Amino acid sequence: MIAVFLAEGFEQTEALAPVDALRRAKKEVRTVGIGGREITSSHGVTVRCDLADSAFSPGEELEMIVLPGGLPGTLNLEKSPVVQGAIDFCLEREIPIAAICAAPSILGHRGLLDGRRATANPGFQDQLGKAVCTGEAVCRDGRFTTGRGAGVAVEFGLALVEQLCGREAMEAVKASMAI
């Protein structure tokens, strides 16, 4: 299962494009609302999440977590004990972690990107700790995948499909999206 965390003020494209790509690849994806099931994006789009954070418990079925950006969504994700606990769970088990736009700063503040190649929204690259900022649209270094922003959300989602399912599955999803 892939958990995509949504907090008030999230960037909807950065959250839903990866959800769409991963579900096209037949992956089980759960959107997890921080503070409840109905979460409103930074642009006023309300999404009904699959479950509230109070019902989320990472377990052996967890394959990846995804942190979308947006403001104040990123700040709300970072202060969530559930999100921080999920990051810890992933670190202990070497489960992949993906973050896009402002959200890589959450990883940067914890020093998790130090010495790694990473990307983020240009306004947040200075918050990636000692990461090597590539400026690329999508950057993967080990189990960490980072994306620059909303404009590359589909590319980010496809990179997650490739990471979890392989290139052939990613190409099939890409074709289904007429890219």
N, C-alpha and C. Protein backbone atom coordinates (compact mmCIF):
# COMPACT_ATOMS: atom_id res chain seq x y z
N MET A 1 0.84 -1.18 0.00
CA MET A 1 0.00 0.00 0.00
C MET A 1 0.88 1.24 0.00
N ILE A 2 0.47 2.23 -0.76
CA ILE A 2 1.15 3.52 -0.81
C ILE A 2 0.27 4.52 -0.09
N ALA A 3 0.83 5.24 0.87
CA ALA A 3 0.09 6.27 1.60
C ALA A 3 0.48 7.64 1.06
N VAL A 4 -0.53 8.39 0.61
CA VAL A 4 -0.33 9.76 0.14
C VAL A 4 -1.01 10.67 1.16
N PHE A 5 -0.20 11.44 1.88
CA PHE A 5 -0.71 12.28 2.96
C PHE A 5 -1.17 13.64 2.43
N LEU A 6 -2.38 14.03 2.81
CA LEU A 6 -2.93 15.32 2.42
C LEU A 6 -3.24 16.12 3.68
N ALA A 7 -2.73 17.35 3.72
CA ALA A 7 -3.01 18.24 4.85
C ALA A 7 -3.63 19.51 4.29
N GLU A 8 -4.37 20.22 5.12
CA GLU A 8 -4.99 21.47 4.70
C GLU A 8 -3.96 22.35 3.99
N GLY A 9 -4.32 22.79 2.77
CA GLY A 9 -3.43 23.64 1.99
C GLY A 9 -2.48 22.87 1.10
N PHE A 10 -2.78 21.59 0.82
CA PHE A 10 -1.93 20.81 -0.08
C PHE A 10 -2.11 21.28 -1.52
N GLU A 11 -1.17 20.96 -2.37
CA GLU A 11 -1.24 21.27 -3.81
C GLU A 11 -1.89 20.07 -4.48
N GLN A 12 -3.10 20.26 -5.01
CA GLN A 12 -3.88 19.11 -5.49
C GLN A 12 -3.24 18.38 -6.66
N THR A 13 -2.60 19.07 -7.57
CA THR A 13 -1.97 18.39 -8.71
C THR A 13 -0.84 17.49 -8.23
N GLU A 14 -0.07 17.96 -7.28
CA GLU A 14 1.07 17.19 -6.77
C GLU A 14 0.62 15.96 -5.99
N ALA A 15 -0.60 15.99 -5.48
CA ALA A 15 -1.14 14.85 -4.74
C ALA A 15 -1.85 13.88 -5.67
N LEU A 16 -2.71 14.42 -6.52
CA LEU A 16 -3.60 13.54 -7.29
C LEU A 16 -2.99 12.97 -8.56
N ALA A 17 -2.03 13.66 -9.18
CA ALA A 17 -1.38 13.08 -10.36
C ALA A 17 -0.62 11.79 -9.99
N PRO A 18 0.16 11.79 -8.90
CA PRO A 18 0.80 10.52 -8.51
C PRO A 18 -0.22 9.45 -8.11
N VAL A 19 -1.29 9.83 -7.43
CA VAL A 19 -2.33 8.86 -7.08
C VAL A 19 -2.86 8.21 -8.34
N ASP A 20 -3.17 9.03 -9.33
CA ASP A 20 -3.71 8.53 -10.60
C ASP A 20 -2.72 7.58 -11.28
N ALA A 21 -1.47 7.99 -11.41
CA ALA A 21 -0.47 7.16 -12.09
C ALA A 21 -0.29 5.83 -11.37
N LEU A 22 -0.19 5.86 -10.05
CA LEU A 22 0.02 4.64 -9.28
C LEU A 22 -1.20 3.71 -9.34
N ARG A 23 -2.39 4.27 -9.34
CA ARG A 23 -3.59 3.43 -9.45
C ARG A 23 -3.71 2.84 -10.84
N ARG A 24 -3.29 3.57 -11.87
CA ARG A 24 -3.28 3.01 -13.23
C ARG A 24 -2.33 1.82 -13.30
N ALA A 25 -1.29 1.84 -12.46
CA ALA A 25 -0.33 0.74 -12.41
C ALA A 25 -0.82 -0.39 -11.50
N LYS A 26 -2.06 -0.27 -11.04
CA LYS A 26 -2.71 -1.29 -10.20
C LYS A 26 -2.12 -1.39 -8.80
N LYS A 27 -1.54 -0.29 -8.33
CA LYS A 27 -1.03 -0.25 -6.97
C LYS A 27 -2.16 0.18 -6.03
N GLU A 28 -2.14 -0.35 -4.83
CA GLU A 28 -3.10 0.07 -3.82
C GLU A 28 -2.60 1.38 -3.22
N VAL A 29 -3.38 2.43 -3.40
CA VAL A 29 -3.02 3.76 -2.90
C VAL A 29 -4.11 4.21 -1.95
N ARG A 30 -3.70 4.73 -0.81
CA ARG A 30 -4.63 5.30 0.16
C ARG A 30 -4.26 6.75 0.40
N THR A 31 -5.23 7.63 0.22
CA THR A 31 -5.01 9.02 0.61
C THR A 31 -5.35 9.13 2.09
N VAL A 32 -4.48 9.80 2.83
CA VAL A 32 -4.62 9.90 4.29
C VAL A 32 -4.76 11.38 4.64
N GLY A 33 -5.91 11.75 5.17
CA GLY A 33 -6.17 13.13 5.54
C GLY A 33 -5.64 13.46 6.93
N ILE A 34 -4.83 14.49 7.01
CA ILE A 34 -4.30 14.92 8.30
C ILE A 34 -5.36 15.78 8.99
N GLY A 35 -5.93 15.23 10.04
CA GLY A 35 -6.96 15.95 10.79
C GLY A 35 -8.38 15.59 10.40
N GLY A 36 -8.56 14.68 9.46
CA GLY A 36 -9.90 14.28 9.05
C GLY A 36 -9.89 13.72 7.64
N ARG A 37 -11.06 13.34 7.15
CA ARG A 37 -11.14 12.74 5.81
C ARG A 37 -11.32 13.79 4.71
N GLU A 38 -11.90 14.93 5.03
CA GLU A 38 -12.09 15.97 4.02
C GLU A 38 -11.04 17.06 4.20
N ILE A 39 -10.20 17.20 3.18
CA ILE A 39 -9.07 18.12 3.24
C ILE A 39 -9.17 19.06 2.04
N THR A 40 -8.96 20.35 2.30
CA THR A 40 -9.07 21.36 1.23
C THR A 40 -7.67 21.80 0.80
N SER A 41 -7.51 21.83 -0.51
CA SER A 41 -6.22 22.19 -1.10
C SER A 41 -5.96 23.70 -1.01
N SER A 42 -4.76 24.08 -1.39
CA SER A 42 -4.38 25.50 -1.39
C SER A 42 -5.20 26.30 -2.40
N HIS A 43 -5.87 25.62 -3.33
CA HIS A 43 -6.68 26.30 -4.34
C HIS A 43 -8.17 26.05 -4.15
N GLY A 44 -8.56 25.65 -2.94
CA GLY A 44 -9.97 25.52 -2.61
C GLY A 44 -10.66 24.26 -3.10
N VAL A 45 -9.90 23.24 -3.52
CA VAL A 45 -10.49 21.98 -3.95
C VAL A 45 -10.52 21.04 -2.74
N THR A 46 -11.71 20.59 -2.37
CA THR A 46 -11.84 19.68 -1.22
C THR A 46 -11.82 18.24 -1.71
N VAL A 47 -11.00 17.43 -1.08
CA VAL A 47 -10.85 16.03 -1.44
C VAL A 47 -11.27 15.18 -0.25
N ARG A 48 -12.06 14.15 -0.53
CA ARG A 48 -12.43 13.19 0.51
C ARG A 48 -11.41 12.07 0.48
N CYS A 49 -10.62 11.99 1.52
CA CYS A 49 -9.53 11.01 1.61
C CYS A 49 -10.09 9.62 1.93
N ASP A 50 -9.28 8.63 1.61
CA ASP A 50 -9.66 7.25 1.89
C ASP A 50 -9.76 6.99 3.39
N LEU A 51 -8.91 7.66 4.17
CA LEU A 51 -8.99 7.53 5.62
C LEU A 51 -8.38 8.75 6.30
N ALA A 52 -8.79 8.95 7.51
CA ALA A 52 -8.23 10.03 8.34
C ALA A 52 -6.95 9.53 8.98
N ASP A 53 -6.10 10.46 9.37
CA ASP A 53 -4.83 10.08 10.01
C ASP A 53 -5.06 9.26 11.27
N SER A 54 -6.16 9.47 11.96
CA SER A 54 -6.44 8.71 13.18
C SER A 54 -6.65 7.23 12.89
N ALA A 55 -6.97 6.89 11.64
CA ALA A 55 -7.19 5.49 11.25
C ALA A 55 -5.97 4.89 10.55
N PHE A 56 -4.94 5.70 10.34
CA PHE A 56 -3.74 5.22 9.64
C PHE A 56 -2.77 4.56 10.61
N SER A 57 -2.32 3.39 10.22
CA SER A 57 -1.31 2.70 11.00
C SER A 57 -0.38 2.01 10.01
N PRO A 58 0.89 2.44 9.97
CA PRO A 58 1.79 1.79 9.01
C PRO A 58 2.00 0.34 9.41
N GLY A 59 2.06 -0.50 8.40
CA GLY A 59 2.26 -1.92 8.66
C GLY A 59 3.09 -2.54 7.56
N GLU A 60 3.17 -3.84 7.58
CA GLU A 60 4.00 -4.57 6.63
C GLU A 60 3.60 -4.33 5.18
N GLU A 61 2.35 -3.93 4.95
CA GLU A 61 1.88 -3.70 3.57
C GLU A 61 2.34 -2.36 3.01
N LEU A 62 2.92 -1.48 3.82
CA LEU A 62 3.33 -0.15 3.37
C LEU A 62 4.53 -0.27 2.43
N GLU A 63 4.35 0.23 1.19
CA GLU A 63 5.40 0.18 0.17
C GLU A 63 6.10 1.51 -0.03
N MET A 64 5.40 2.61 0.28
CA MET A 64 5.94 3.94 0.02
C MET A 64 5.03 4.95 0.69
N ILE A 65 5.61 6.11 1.05
CA ILE A 65 4.79 7.26 1.43
C ILE A 65 5.10 8.39 0.46
N VAL A 66 4.08 9.21 0.20
CA VAL A 66 4.20 10.34 -0.71
C VAL A 66 3.75 11.60 0.03
N LEU A 67 4.59 12.64 -0.05
CA LEU A 67 4.31 13.92 0.59
C LEU A 67 4.17 14.99 -0.49
N PRO A 68 2.93 15.41 -0.78
CA PRO A 68 2.74 16.50 -1.74
C PRO A 68 3.10 17.84 -1.11
N GLY A 69 3.42 18.80 -1.93
CA GLY A 69 3.76 20.13 -1.43
C GLY A 69 2.52 21.00 -1.30
N GLY A 70 2.72 22.28 -1.52
CA GLY A 70 1.66 23.27 -1.33
C GLY A 70 1.83 23.95 0.01
N LEU A 71 1.28 25.14 0.08
CA LEU A 71 1.33 25.90 1.33
C LEU A 71 -0.07 26.35 1.72
N PRO A 72 -0.43 26.17 2.95
CA PRO A 72 0.40 25.71 4.07
C PRO A 72 0.45 24.20 4.25
N GLY A 73 0.06 23.44 3.21
CA GLY A 73 0.02 21.98 3.34
C GLY A 73 1.32 21.35 3.82
N THR A 74 2.44 21.81 3.25
CA THR A 74 3.73 21.25 3.65
C THR A 74 4.00 21.49 5.13
N LEU A 75 3.70 22.68 5.59
CA LEU A 75 3.92 23.01 7.01
C LEU A 75 3.02 22.14 7.90
N ASN A 76 1.79 21.90 7.44
CA ASN A 76 0.87 21.06 8.21
C ASN A 76 1.30 19.60 8.21
N LEU A 77 1.87 19.13 7.10
CA LEU A 77 2.41 17.77 7.08
C LEU A 77 3.57 17.64 8.06
N GLU A 78 4.47 18.64 8.02
CA GLU A 78 5.67 18.56 8.84
C GLU A 78 5.37 18.52 10.33
N LYS A 79 4.33 19.21 10.76
CA LYS A 79 4.03 19.23 12.20
C LYS A 79 3.12 18.06 12.63
N SER A 80 2.75 17.20 11.70
CA SER A 80 1.89 16.06 12.02
C SER A 80 2.69 14.91 12.64
N PRO A 81 2.34 14.49 13.85
CA PRO A 81 3.01 13.32 14.44
C PRO A 81 2.79 12.05 13.61
N VAL A 82 1.66 11.95 12.92
CA VAL A 82 1.39 10.78 12.09
C VAL A 82 2.36 10.73 10.92
N VAL A 83 2.57 11.86 10.26
CA VAL A 83 3.51 11.92 9.14
C VAL A 83 4.93 11.65 9.62
N GLN A 84 5.32 12.28 10.71
CA GLN A 84 6.67 12.06 11.24
C GLN A 84 6.86 10.60 11.64
N GLY A 85 5.83 9.99 12.20
CA GLY A 85 5.89 8.57 12.56
C GLY A 85 6.00 7.69 11.33
N ALA A 86 5.29 8.05 10.27
CA ALA A 86 5.36 7.28 9.02
C ALA A 86 6.76 7.39 8.42
N ILE A 87 7.35 8.58 8.48
CA ILE A 87 8.72 8.75 7.98
C ILE A 87 9.66 7.86 8.79
N ASP A 88 9.53 7.87 10.11
CA ASP A 88 10.37 7.02 10.97
C ASP A 88 10.19 5.55 10.61
N PHE A 89 8.95 5.14 10.42
CA PHE A 89 8.64 3.75 10.07
C PHE A 89 9.36 3.37 8.77
N CYS A 90 9.29 4.26 7.78
CA CYS A 90 9.94 4.01 6.49
C CYS A 90 11.46 3.95 6.64
N LEU A 91 12.01 4.83 7.43
CA LEU A 91 13.46 4.85 7.63
C LEU A 91 13.94 3.54 8.26
N GLU A 92 13.20 3.06 9.25
CA GLU A 92 13.58 1.84 9.95
C GLU A 92 13.54 0.62 9.04
N ARG A 93 12.69 0.65 8.02
CA ARG A 93 12.48 -0.52 7.16
C ARG A 93 12.96 -0.31 5.73
N GLU A 94 13.61 0.82 5.48
CA GLU A 94 14.11 1.16 4.14
C GLU A 94 13.00 1.17 3.09
N ILE A 95 11.86 1.72 3.46
CA ILE A 95 10.72 1.88 2.56
C ILE A 95 10.88 3.22 1.85
N PRO A 96 10.61 3.26 0.54
CA PRO A 96 10.77 4.50 -0.21
C PRO A 96 9.89 5.65 0.30
N ILE A 97 10.46 6.85 0.20
CA ILE A 97 9.77 8.09 0.58
C ILE A 97 9.87 9.04 -0.61
N ALA A 98 8.73 9.61 -1.00
CA ALA A 98 8.68 10.55 -2.12
C ALA A 98 8.10 11.88 -1.64
N ALA A 99 8.65 12.97 -2.14
CA ALA A 99 8.17 14.32 -1.77
C ALA A 99 8.36 15.24 -2.96
N ILE A 100 7.43 16.18 -3.12
CA ILE A 100 7.47 17.07 -4.28
C ILE A 100 7.23 18.52 -3.85
N CYS A 101 7.83 19.44 -4.58
CA CYS A 101 7.67 20.89 -4.45
C CYS A 101 8.28 21.40 -3.14
N ALA A 102 7.46 21.82 -2.21
CA ALA A 102 7.96 22.30 -0.92
C ALA A 102 8.21 21.15 0.04
N ALA A 103 7.55 20.02 -0.17
CA ALA A 103 7.61 18.90 0.79
C ALA A 103 8.99 18.27 0.97
N PRO A 104 9.90 18.30 -0.01
CA PRO A 104 11.24 17.79 0.29
C PRO A 104 11.91 18.53 1.46
N SER A 105 11.44 19.73 1.76
CA SER A 105 11.99 20.47 2.91
C SER A 105 11.75 19.71 4.21
N ILE A 106 10.67 18.95 4.29
CA ILE A 106 10.40 18.14 5.49
C ILE A 106 11.54 17.16 5.71
N LEU A 107 11.99 16.55 4.62
CA LEU A 107 13.11 15.60 4.70
C LEU A 107 14.42 16.33 4.95
N GLY A 108 14.57 17.49 4.30
CA GLY A 108 15.77 18.29 4.48
C GLY A 108 15.95 18.76 5.91
N HIS A 109 14.86 19.17 6.56
CA HIS A 109 14.95 19.63 7.94
C HIS A 109 15.41 18.52 8.89
N ARG A 110 15.16 17.29 8.50
CA ARG A 110 15.58 16.15 9.32
C ARG A 110 16.97 15.64 8.94
N GLY A 111 17.58 16.24 7.94
CA GLY A 111 18.90 15.81 7.50
C GLY A 111 18.90 14.55 6.65
N LEU A 112 17.73 14.13 6.20
CA LEU A 112 17.62 12.88 5.46
C LEU A 112 18.15 12.96 4.03
N LEU A 113 18.27 14.18 3.51
CA LEU A 113 18.76 14.34 2.14
C LEU A 113 20.25 14.72 2.10
N ASP A 114 20.87 14.85 3.26
CA ASP A 114 22.29 15.23 3.31
C ASP A 114 23.14 14.27 2.47
N GLY A 115 23.91 14.86 1.55
CA GLY A 115 24.78 14.07 0.68
C GLY A 115 24.07 13.39 -0.46
N ARG A 116 22.75 13.57 -0.56
CA ARG A 116 21.97 12.94 -1.64
C ARG A 116 21.63 13.97 -2.71
N ARG A 117 21.38 13.48 -3.90
CA ARG A 117 20.87 14.33 -4.97
C ARG A 117 19.37 14.51 -4.73
N ALA A 118 18.89 15.74 -4.86
CA ALA A 118 17.48 16.02 -4.62
C ALA A 118 17.07 17.27 -5.39
N THR A 119 15.77 17.44 -5.50
CA THR A 119 15.22 18.64 -6.13
C THR A 119 14.01 19.08 -5.33
N ALA A 120 13.60 20.31 -5.55
CA ALA A 120 12.44 20.88 -4.88
C ALA A 120 12.07 22.16 -5.62
N ASN A 121 10.96 22.75 -5.22
CA ASN A 121 10.61 24.06 -5.73
C ASN A 121 11.79 24.98 -5.47
N PRO A 122 12.17 25.82 -6.46
CA PRO A 122 13.33 26.69 -6.25
C PRO A 122 13.29 27.50 -4.96
N GLY A 123 12.12 27.87 -4.49
CA GLY A 123 12.00 28.63 -3.26
C GLY A 123 12.27 27.81 -2.01
N PHE A 124 12.42 26.51 -2.16
CA PHE A 124 12.65 25.62 -1.00
C PHE A 124 13.96 24.86 -1.08
N GLN A 125 14.73 25.08 -2.14
CA GLN A 125 15.98 24.35 -2.28
C GLN A 125 16.96 24.64 -1.15
N ASP A 126 16.86 25.82 -0.57
CA ASP A 126 17.75 26.16 0.54
C ASP A 126 17.35 25.46 1.84
N GLN A 127 16.26 24.69 1.81
CA GLN A 127 15.79 23.97 3.00
C GLN A 127 16.00 22.46 2.88
N LEU A 128 16.88 22.07 1.97
CA LEU A 128 17.14 20.65 1.76
C LEU A 128 18.36 20.16 2.53
N GLY A 129 18.80 20.94 3.50
CA GLY A 129 19.96 20.54 4.29
C GLY A 129 21.19 20.55 3.43
N LYS A 130 21.97 19.48 3.51
CA LYS A 130 23.22 19.38 2.75
C LYS A 130 23.03 18.51 1.51
N ALA A 131 21.84 18.58 0.92
CA ALA A 131 21.57 17.83 -0.31
C ALA A 131 22.30 18.50 -1.47
N VAL A 132 22.54 17.72 -2.51
CA VAL A 132 23.06 18.24 -3.76
C VAL A 132 21.84 18.58 -4.60
N CYS A 133 21.51 19.86 -4.69
CA CYS A 133 20.31 20.29 -5.42
C CYS A 133 20.57 20.22 -6.92
N THR A 134 19.81 19.37 -7.59
CA THR A 134 20.04 19.15 -9.02
C THR A 134 19.24 20.11 -9.90
N GLY A 135 18.11 20.59 -9.41
CA GLY A 135 17.23 21.41 -10.23
C GLY A 135 16.46 20.60 -11.26
N GLU A 136 16.65 19.28 -11.26
CA GLU A 136 15.94 18.41 -12.19
C GLU A 136 14.44 18.40 -11.89
N ALA A 137 13.66 17.99 -12.85
CA ALA A 137 12.22 17.87 -12.65
C ALA A 137 11.92 16.84 -11.57
N VAL A 138 12.54 15.67 -11.69
CA VAL A 138 12.38 14.58 -10.73
C VAL A 138 13.75 13.99 -10.49
N CYS A 139 14.04 13.68 -9.25
CA CYS A 139 15.35 13.17 -8.88
C CYS A 139 15.17 12.02 -7.90
N ARG A 140 15.83 10.91 -8.20
CA ARG A 140 15.79 9.77 -7.27
C ARG A 140 17.20 9.47 -6.82
N ASP A 141 17.36 9.33 -5.51
CA ASP A 141 18.63 8.94 -4.93
C ASP A 141 18.33 7.90 -3.86
N GLY A 142 18.61 6.67 -4.17
CA GLY A 142 18.28 5.58 -3.25
C GLY A 142 16.78 5.47 -3.09
N ARG A 143 16.33 5.44 -1.87
CA ARG A 143 14.88 5.28 -1.64
C ARG A 143 14.13 6.61 -1.65
N PHE A 144 14.84 7.73 -1.81
CA PHE A 144 14.20 9.05 -1.81
C PHE A 144 13.98 9.54 -3.24
N THR A 145 12.74 9.91 -3.53
CA THR A 145 12.40 10.51 -4.82
C THR A 145 11.82 11.88 -4.54
N THR A 146 12.37 12.89 -5.21
CA THR A 146 11.89 14.27 -5.02
C THR A 146 11.50 14.85 -6.36
N GLY A 147 10.54 15.78 -6.31
CA GLY A 147 10.07 16.44 -7.52
C GLY A 147 10.05 17.95 -7.34
N ARG A 148 10.19 18.68 -8.45
CA ARG A 148 10.32 20.13 -8.40
C ARG A 148 9.02 20.87 -8.11
N GLY A 149 7.88 20.42 -8.66
CA GLY A 149 6.64 21.14 -8.39
C GLY A 149 5.48 20.66 -9.23
N ALA A 150 4.39 21.39 -9.16
CA ALA A 150 3.13 21.00 -9.80
C ALA A 150 3.28 20.73 -11.30
N GLY A 151 4.13 21.48 -11.95
CA GLY A 151 4.31 21.32 -13.40
C GLY A 151 4.90 19.99 -13.81
N VAL A 152 5.49 19.27 -12.86
CA VAL A 152 6.09 17.98 -13.17
C VAL A 152 5.41 16.85 -12.39
N ALA A 153 4.20 17.10 -11.91
CA ALA A 153 3.51 16.13 -11.06
C ALA A 153 3.23 14.80 -11.77
N VAL A 154 2.91 14.85 -13.06
CA VAL A 154 2.68 13.60 -13.80
C VAL A 154 4.00 12.86 -13.96
N GLU A 155 5.06 13.58 -14.32
CA GLU A 155 6.38 12.97 -14.45
C GLU A 155 6.82 12.35 -13.11
N PHE A 156 6.55 13.04 -12.03
CA PHE A 156 6.84 12.55 -10.68
C PHE A 156 6.07 11.24 -10.44
N GLY A 157 4.78 11.24 -10.74
CA GLY A 157 3.96 10.03 -10.56
C GLY A 157 4.49 8.87 -11.38
N LEU A 158 4.89 9.14 -12.62
CA LEU A 158 5.44 8.08 -13.47
C LEU A 158 6.76 7.54 -12.91
N ALA A 159 7.56 8.42 -12.33
CA ALA A 159 8.82 7.98 -11.71
C ALA A 159 8.54 7.05 -10.53
N LEU A 160 7.47 7.33 -9.79
CA LEU A 160 7.11 6.45 -8.67
C LEU A 160 6.64 5.10 -9.18
N VAL A 161 5.88 5.10 -10.27
CA VAL A 161 5.45 3.83 -10.88
C VAL A 161 6.68 3.03 -11.30
N GLU A 162 7.63 3.70 -11.96
CA GLU A 162 8.84 3.00 -12.40
C GLU A 162 9.62 2.44 -11.21
N GLN A 163 9.72 3.23 -10.14
CA GLN A 163 10.45 2.79 -8.95
C GLN A 163 9.83 1.54 -8.34
N LEU A 164 8.50 1.48 -8.28
CA LEU A 164 7.82 0.37 -7.62
C LEU A 164 7.48 -0.80 -8.54
N CYS A 165 7.26 -0.49 -9.82
CA CYS A 165 6.74 -1.52 -10.73
C CYS A 165 7.63 -1.83 -11.92
N GLY A 166 8.63 -1.00 -12.16
CA GLY A 166 9.52 -1.23 -13.29
C GLY A 166 9.18 -0.36 -14.50
N ARG A 167 10.13 -0.34 -15.42
CA ARG A 167 10.01 0.53 -16.60
C ARG A 167 8.85 0.13 -17.51
N GLU A 168 8.65 -1.15 -17.70
CA GLU A 168 7.58 -1.61 -18.58
C GLU A 168 6.21 -1.13 -18.07
N ALA A 169 5.98 -1.26 -16.78
CA ALA A 169 4.72 -0.79 -16.20
C ALA A 169 4.59 0.72 -16.34
N MET A 170 5.69 1.44 -16.13
CA MET A 170 5.66 2.90 -16.28
C MET A 170 5.31 3.28 -17.72
N GLU A 171 5.90 2.59 -18.69
CA GLU A 171 5.62 2.88 -20.10
C GLU A 171 4.16 2.59 -20.42
N ALA A 172 3.59 1.54 -19.84
CA ALA A 172 2.17 1.22 -20.07
C ALA A 172 1.28 2.30 -19.49
N VAL A 173 1.60 2.79 -18.28
CA VAL A 173 0.82 3.87 -17.68
C VAL A 173 0.95 5.13 -18.53
N LYS A 174 2.14 5.43 -18.95
CA LYS A 174 2.39 6.60 -19.78
C LYS A 174 1.55 6.55 -21.06
N ALA A 175 1.50 5.38 -21.68
CA ALA A 175 0.69 5.21 -22.90
C ALA A 175 -0.79 5.39 -22.60
N SER A 176 -1.23 4.90 -21.43
CA SER A 176 -2.65 5.04 -21.08
C SER A 176 -3.05 6.49 -20.86
N MET A 177 -2.04 7.33 -20.56
CA MET A 177 -2.28 8.75 -20.34
C MET A 177 -2.08 9.56 -21.63
N ALA A 178 -1.76 8.85 -22.71
CA ALA A 178 -1.53 9.48 -24.02
C ALA A 178 -0.41 10.51 -23.97
N ILE A 179 0.64 10.17 -23.27
CA ILE A 179 1.81 11.07 -23.18
C ILE A 179 2.80 10.70 -24.27
